[in-house]
Amino acid sequence: MMNYYKKSEKAFKEYIKNNPQCTKEEWDKFAQENYLFSAFTLAAHKNASSFEELKRKIMKSFI
């Protein structure tokens, strides 16, 4: 069974790595087109209160 959270988190890391100045709306559009979790869902899993905090938390775990 596919784990869509892990797939979305990995894709988010790569997307942010390639587009560090992206916005929540840009990610949500990309996520919808590629059947991934939205920024809101990822933030809920990471307990982040903003998109910028989400980016910091996910990239911190990426390093």
PDB file of N, CA and C in Angstrom:
ATOM      1  N   MET A   1       0.846  -1.177   0.000  1.00  0.00           N
ATOM      2  CA  MET A   1       0.000   0.000   0.000  1.00  0.00           C
ATOM      3  C   MET A   1       0.899   1.250   0.000  1.00  0.00           C
ATOM      4  N   MET A   2       0.524   2.221  -0.796  1.00  0.00           N
ATOM      5  CA  MET A   2       1.313   3.444  -0.923  1.00  0.00           C
ATOM      6  C   MET A   2       1.035   4.390   0.251  1.00  0.00           C
ATOM      7  N   ASN A   3       2.091   4.977   0.774  1.00  0.00           N
ATOM      8  CA  ASN A   3       1.959   5.952   1.848  1.00  0.00           C
ATOM      9  C   ASN A   3       1.996   7.345   1.205  1.00  0.00           C
ATOM     10  N   TYR A   4       0.828   7.962   1.060  1.00  0.00           N
ATOM     11  CA  TYR A   4       0.731   9.251   0.371  1.00  0.00           C
ATOM     12  C   TYR A   4       1.367  10.382   1.169  1.00  0.00           C
ATOM     13  N   TYR A   5       1.407  10.253   2.496  1.00  0.00           N
ATOM     14  CA  TYR A   5       2.066  11.290   3.297  1.00  0.00           C
ATOM     15  C   TYR A   5       3.560  11.319   2.991  1.00  0.00           C
ATOM     16  N   LYS A   6       4.199  10.160   3.030  1.00  0.00           N
ATOM     17  CA  LYS A   6       5.645  10.112   2.756  1.00  0.00           C
ATOM     18  C   LYS A   6       5.952  10.545   1.323  1.00  0.00           C
ATOM     19  N   LYS A   7       5.102  10.148   0.386  1.00  0.00           N
ATOM     20  CA  LYS A   7       5.279  10.552  -1.006  1.00  0.00           C
ATOM     21  C   LYS A   7       5.158  12.070  -1.122  1.00  0.00           C
ATOM     22  N   SER A   8       4.179  12.650  -0.436  1.00  0.00           N
ATOM     23  CA  SER A   8       3.961  14.099  -0.480  1.00  0.00           C
ATOM     24  C   SER A   8       5.105  14.845   0.190  1.00  0.00           C
ATOM     25  N   GLU A   9       5.571  14.329   1.324  1.00  0.00           N
ATOM     26  CA  GLU A   9       6.664  14.980   2.034  1.00  0.00           C
ATOM     27  C   GLU A   9       7.941  14.977   1.190  1.00  0.00           C
ATOM     28  N   LYS A  10       8.235  13.869   0.552  1.00  0.00           N
ATOM     29  CA  LYS A  10       9.421  13.778  -0.307  1.00  0.00           C
ATOM     30  C   LYS A  10       9.315  14.748  -1.481  1.00  0.00           C
ATOM     31  N   ALA A  11       8.150  14.801  -2.109  1.00  0.00           N
ATOM     32  CA  ALA A  11       7.934  15.711  -3.233  1.00  0.00           C
ATOM     33  C   ALA A  11       8.035  17.166  -2.767  1.00  0.00           C
ATOM     34  N   PHE A  12       7.515  17.461  -1.574  1.00  0.00           N
ATOM     35  CA  PHE A  12       7.586  18.817  -1.025  1.00  0.00           C
ATOM     36  C   PHE A  12       9.043  19.235  -0.818  1.00  0.00           C
ATOM     37  N   LYS A  13       9.847  18.338  -0.277  1.00  0.00           N
ATOM     38  CA  LYS A  13      11.276  18.627  -0.062  1.00  0.00           C
ATOM     39  C   LYS A  13      11.962  18.976  -1.377  1.00  0.00           C
ATOM     40  N   GLU A  14      11.706  18.179  -2.393  1.00  0.00           N
ATOM     41  CA  GLU A  14      12.319  18.434  -3.699  1.00  0.00           C
ATOM     42  C   GLU A  14      11.808  19.734  -4.308  1.00  0.00           C
ATOM     43  N   TYR A  15      10.516  19.983  -4.163  1.00  0.00           N
ATOM     44  CA  TYR A  15       9.916  21.200  -4.719  1.00  0.00           C
ATOM     45  C   TYR A  15      10.508  22.442  -4.050  1.00  0.00           C
ATOM     46  N   ILE A  16      10.637  22.406  -2.736  1.00  0.00           N
ATOM     47  CA  ILE A  16      11.203  23.543  -1.993  1.00  0.00           C
ATOM     48  C   ILE A  16      12.694  23.695  -2.299  1.00  0.00           C
ATOM     49  N   LYS A  17      13.372  22.597  -2.453  1.00  0.00           N
ATOM     50  CA  LYS A  17      14.795  22.645  -2.799  1.00  0.00           C
ATOM     51  C   LYS A  17      15.001  23.358  -4.135  1.00  0.00           C
ATOM     52  N   ASN A  18      14.122  23.092  -5.092  1.00  0.00           N
ATOM     53  CA  ASN A  18      14.229  23.703  -6.419  1.00  0.00           C
ATOM     54  C   ASN A  18      13.591  25.084  -6.495  1.00  0.00           C
ATOM     55  N   ASN A  19      12.633  25.383  -5.611  1.00  0.00           N
ATOM     56  CA  ASN A  19      11.902  26.656  -5.610  1.00  0.00           C
ATOM     57  C   ASN A  19      11.788  27.191  -4.182  1.00  0.00           C
ATOM     58  N   PRO A  20      12.882  27.640  -3.584  1.00  0.00           N
ATOM     59  CA  PRO A  20      12.840  28.046  -2.167  1.00  0.00           C
ATOM     60  C   PRO A  20      11.908  29.222  -1.873  1.00  0.00           C
ATOM     61  N   GLN A  21      11.564  30.018  -2.856  1.00  0.00           N
ATOM     62  CA  GLN A  21      10.687  31.175  -2.639  1.00  0.00           C
ATOM     63  C   GLN A  21       9.237  30.912  -3.038  1.00  0.00           C
ATOM     64  N   CYS A  22       8.874  29.642  -3.198  1.00  0.00           N
ATOM     65  CA  CYS A  22       7.507  29.338  -3.634  1.00  0.00           C
ATOM     66  C   CYS A  22       6.491  29.711  -2.558  1.00  0.00           C
ATOM     67  N   THR A  23       5.267  29.844  -2.988  1.00  0.00           N
ATOM     68  CA  THR A  23       4.187  30.194  -2.072  1.00  0.00           C
ATOM     69  C   THR A  23       3.321  28.966  -1.807  1.00  0.00           C
ATOM     70  N   LYS A  24       2.462  29.098  -0.819  1.00  0.00           N
ATOM     71  CA  LYS A  24       1.529  28.038  -0.478  1.00  0.00           C
ATOM     72  C   LYS A  24       0.639  27.704  -1.675  1.00  0.00           C
ATOM     73  N   GLU A  25       0.193  28.718  -2.373  1.00  0.00           N
ATOM     74  CA  GLU A  25      -0.686  28.513  -3.518  1.00  0.00           C
ATOM     75  C   GLU A  25       0.016  27.746  -4.641  1.00  0.00           C
ATOM     76  N   GLU A  26       1.302  28.049  -4.863  1.00  0.00           N
ATOM     77  CA  GLU A  26       2.057  27.335  -5.892  1.00  0.00           C
ATOM     78  C   GLU A  26       2.182  25.859  -5.532  1.00  0.00           C
ATOM     79  N   TRP A  27       2.503  25.585  -4.250  1.00  0.00           N
ATOM     80  CA  TRP A  27       2.611  24.190  -3.828  1.00  0.00           C
ATOM     81  C   TRP A  27       1.264  23.491  -3.956  1.00  0.00           C
ATOM     82  N   ASP A  28       0.193  24.131  -3.504  1.00  0.00           N
ATOM     83  CA  ASP A  28      -1.130  23.505  -3.556  1.00  0.00           C
ATOM     84  C   ASP A  28      -1.539  23.175  -4.988  1.00  0.00           C
ATOM     85  N   LYS A  29      -1.211  24.043  -5.924  1.00  0.00           N
ATOM     86  CA  LYS A  29      -1.520  23.784  -7.331  1.00  0.00           C
ATOM     87  C   LYS A  29      -0.710  22.584  -7.824  1.00  0.00           C
ATOM     88  N   PHE A  30       0.584  22.555  -7.523  1.00  0.00           N
ATOM     89  CA  PHE A  30       1.444  21.435  -7.902  1.00  0.00           C
ATOM     90  C   PHE A  30       0.946  20.143  -7.253  1.00  0.00           C
ATOM     91  N   ALA A  31       0.592  20.215  -5.980  1.00  0.00           N
ATOM     92  CA  ALA A  31       0.133  19.033  -5.249  1.00  0.00           C
ATOM     93  C   ALA A  31      -1.163  18.494  -5.857  1.00  0.00           C
ATOM     94  N   GLN A  32      -2.071  19.368  -6.184  1.00  0.00           N
ATOM     95  CA  GLN A  32      -3.337  18.928  -6.762  1.00  0.00           C
ATOM     96  C   GLN A  32      -3.110  18.254  -8.112  1.00  0.00           C
ATOM     97  N   GLU A  33      -2.238  18.804  -8.914  1.00  0.00           N
ATOM     98  CA  GLU A  33      -1.955  18.234 -10.233  1.00  0.00           C
ATOM     99  C   GLU A  33      -1.256  16.879 -10.146  1.00  0.00           C
ATOM    100  N   ASN A  34      -0.548  16.641  -9.030  1.00  0.00           N
ATOM    101  CA  ASN A  34       0.228  15.409  -8.880  1.00  0.00           C
ATOM    102  C   ASN A  34      -0.304  14.476  -7.794  1.00  0.00           C
ATOM    103  N   TYR A  35      -1.535  14.718  -7.351  1.00  0.00           N
ATOM    104  CA  TYR A  35      -2.204  13.853  -6.361  1.00  0.00           C
ATOM    105  C   TYR A  35      -1.394  13.729  -5.068  1.00  0.00           C
ATOM    106  N   LEU A  36      -0.957  14.886  -4.551  1.00  0.00           N
ATOM    107  CA  LEU A  36      -0.197  14.941  -3.308  1.00  0.00           C
ATOM    108  C   LEU A  36      -0.995  15.701  -2.254  1.00  0.00           C
ATOM    109  N   PHE A  37      -0.538  15.638  -1.017  1.00  0.00           N
ATOM    110  CA  PHE A  37      -1.210  16.357   0.064  1.00  0.00           C
ATOM    111  C   PHE A  37      -0.964  17.855  -0.052  1.00  0.00           C
ATOM    112  N   SER A  38      -1.953  18.624   0.354  1.00  0.00           N
ATOM    113  CA  SER A  38      -1.844  20.083   0.326  1.00  0.00           C
ATOM    114  C   SER A  38      -0.917  20.576   1.434  1.00  0.00           C
ATOM    115  N   ALA A  39      -0.583  21.844   1.374  1.00  0.00           N
ATOM    116  CA  ALA A  39       0.258  22.464   2.398  1.00  0.00           C
ATOM    117  C   ALA A  39      -0.432  22.396   3.758  1.00  0.00           C
ATOM    118  N   PHE A  40      -1.740  22.565   3.780  1.00  0.00           N
ATOM    119  CA  PHE A  40      -2.483  22.512   5.036  1.00  0.00           C
ATOM    120  C   PHE A  40      -2.353  21.137   5.696  1.00  0.00           C
ATOM    121  N   THR A  41      -2.481  20.089   4.922  1.00  0.00           N
ATOM    122  CA  THR A  41      -2.382  18.730   5.458  1.00  0.00           C
ATOM    123  C   THR A  41      -0.968  18.445   5.944  1.00  0.00           C
ATOM    124  N   LEU A  42       0.042  18.843   5.179  1.00  0.00           N
ATOM    125  CA  LEU A  42       1.422  18.645   5.613  1.00  0.00           C
ATOM    126  C   LEU A  42       1.715  19.439   6.881  1.00  0.00           C
ATOM    127  N   ALA A  43       1.202  20.662   6.951  1.00  0.00           N
ATOM    128  CA  ALA A  43       1.414  21.495   8.140  1.00  0.00           C
ATOM    129  C   ALA A  43       0.759  20.868   9.366  1.00  0.00           C
ATOM    130  N   ALA A  44      -0.395  20.269   9.187  1.00  0.00           N
ATOM    131  CA  ALA A  44      -1.073  19.616  10.310  1.00  0.00           C
ATOM    132  C   ALA A  44      -0.241  18.444  10.833  1.00  0.00           C
ATOM    133  N   HIS A  45       0.362  17.689   9.936  1.00  0.00           N
ATOM    134  CA  HIS A  45       1.199  16.566  10.348  1.00  0.00           C
ATOM    135  C   HIS A  45       2.476  17.028  11.046  1.00  0.00           C
ATOM    136  N   LYS A  46       3.007  18.164  10.642  1.00  0.00           N
ATOM    137  CA  LYS A  46       4.254  18.691  11.222  1.00  0.00           C
ATOM    138  C   LYS A  46       3.995  19.679  12.355  1.00  0.00           C
ATOM    139  N   ASN A  47       2.724  19.932  12.667  1.00  0.00           N
ATOM    140  CA  ASN A  47       2.348  20.881  13.716  1.00  0.00           C
ATOM    141  C   ASN A  47       2.930  22.272  13.436  1.00  0.00           C
ATOM    142  N   ALA A  48       2.799  22.718  12.215  1.00  0.00           N
ATOM    143  CA  ALA A  48       3.286  24.030  11.785  1.00  0.00           C
ATOM    144  C   ALA A  48       2.100  24.974  11.646  1.00  0.00           C
ATOM    145  N   SER A  49       2.305  26.221  12.050  1.00  0.00           N
ATOM    146  CA  SER A  49       1.198  27.179  12.003  1.00  0.00           C
ATOM    147  C   SER A  49       1.212  28.067  10.761  1.00  0.00           C
ATOM    148  N   SER A  50       2.265  27.990   9.962  1.00  0.00           N
ATOM    149  CA  SER A  50       2.335  28.778   8.739  1.00  0.00           C
ATOM    150  C   SER A  50       3.112  28.000   7.677  1.00  0.00           C
ATOM    151  N   PHE A  51       2.994  28.456   6.446  1.00  0.00           N
ATOM    152  CA  PHE A  51       3.701  27.801   5.352  1.00  0.00           C
ATOM    153  C   PHE A  51       5.212  27.945   5.513  1.00  0.00           C
ATOM    154  N   GLU A  52       5.653  29.111   5.963  1.00  0.00           N
ATOM    155  CA  GLU A  52       7.089  29.327   6.169  1.00  0.00           C
ATOM    156  C   GLU A  52       7.629  28.399   7.262  1.00  0.00           C
ATOM    157  N   GLU A  53       6.860  28.215   8.316  1.00  0.00           N
ATOM    158  CA  GLU A  53       7.278  27.304   9.382  1.00  0.00           C
ATOM    159  C   GLU A  53       7.319  25.868   8.859  1.00  0.00           C
ATOM    160  N   LEU A  54       6.351  25.511   8.024  1.00  0.00           N
ATOM    161  CA  LEU A  54       6.341  24.177   7.411  1.00  0.00           C
ATOM    162  C   LEU A  54       7.602  23.964   6.584  1.00  0.00           C
ATOM    163  N   LYS A  55       7.956  24.954   5.776  1.00  0.00           N
ATOM    164  CA  LYS A  55       9.166  24.831   4.959  1.00  0.00           C
ATOM    165  C   LYS A  55      10.393  24.632   5.848  1.00  0.00           C
ATOM    166  N   ARG A  56      10.501  25.401   6.919  1.00  0.00           N
ATOM    167  CA  ARG A  56      11.647  25.268   7.826  1.00  0.00           C
ATOM    168  C   ARG A  56      11.689  23.890   8.471  1.00  0.00           C
ATOM    169  N   LYS A  57      10.563  23.412   8.952  1.00  0.00           N
ATOM    170  CA  LYS A  57      10.521  22.115   9.632  1.00  0.00           C
ATOM    171  C   LYS A  57      10.840  20.966   8.691  1.00  0.00           C
ATOM    172  N   ILE A  58      10.297  20.997   7.491  1.00  0.00           N
ATOM    173  CA  ILE A  58      10.554  19.893   6.567  1.00  0.00           C
ATOM    174  C   ILE A  58      11.987  19.952   6.048  1.00  0.00           C
ATOM    175  N   MET A  59      12.485  21.124   5.742  1.00  0.00           N
ATOM    176  CA  MET A  59      13.862  21.218   5.254  1.00  0.00           C
ATOM    177  C   MET A  59      14.862  20.884   6.356  1.00  0.00           C
ATOM    178  N   LYS A  60      14.509  21.171   7.599  1.00  0.00           N
ATOM    179  CA  LYS A  60      15.374  20.818   8.733  1.00  0.00           C
ATOM    180  C   LYS A  60      15.526  19.300   8.811  1.00  0.00           C
ATOM    181  N   SER A  61      14.453  18.566   8.591  1.00  0.00           N
ATOM    182  CA  SER A  61      14.518  17.117   8.625  1.00  0.00           C
ATOM    183  C   SER A  61      15.197  16.548   7.379  1.00  0.00           C
ATOM    184  N   PHE A  62      15.313  17.360   6.349  1.00  0.00           N
ATOM    185  CA  PHE A  62      15.922  16.950   5.087  1.00  0.00           C
ATOM    186  C   PHE A  62      17.447  16.963   5.183  1.00  0.00           C
ATOM    187  N   ILE A  63      17.996  17.853   5.997  1.00  0.00           N
ATOM    188  CA  ILE A  63      19.455  18.018   6.108  1.00  0.00           C
ATOM    189  C   ILE A  63      20.091  16.925   6.891  1.00  0.00           C
TER     190      ILE A  63
END
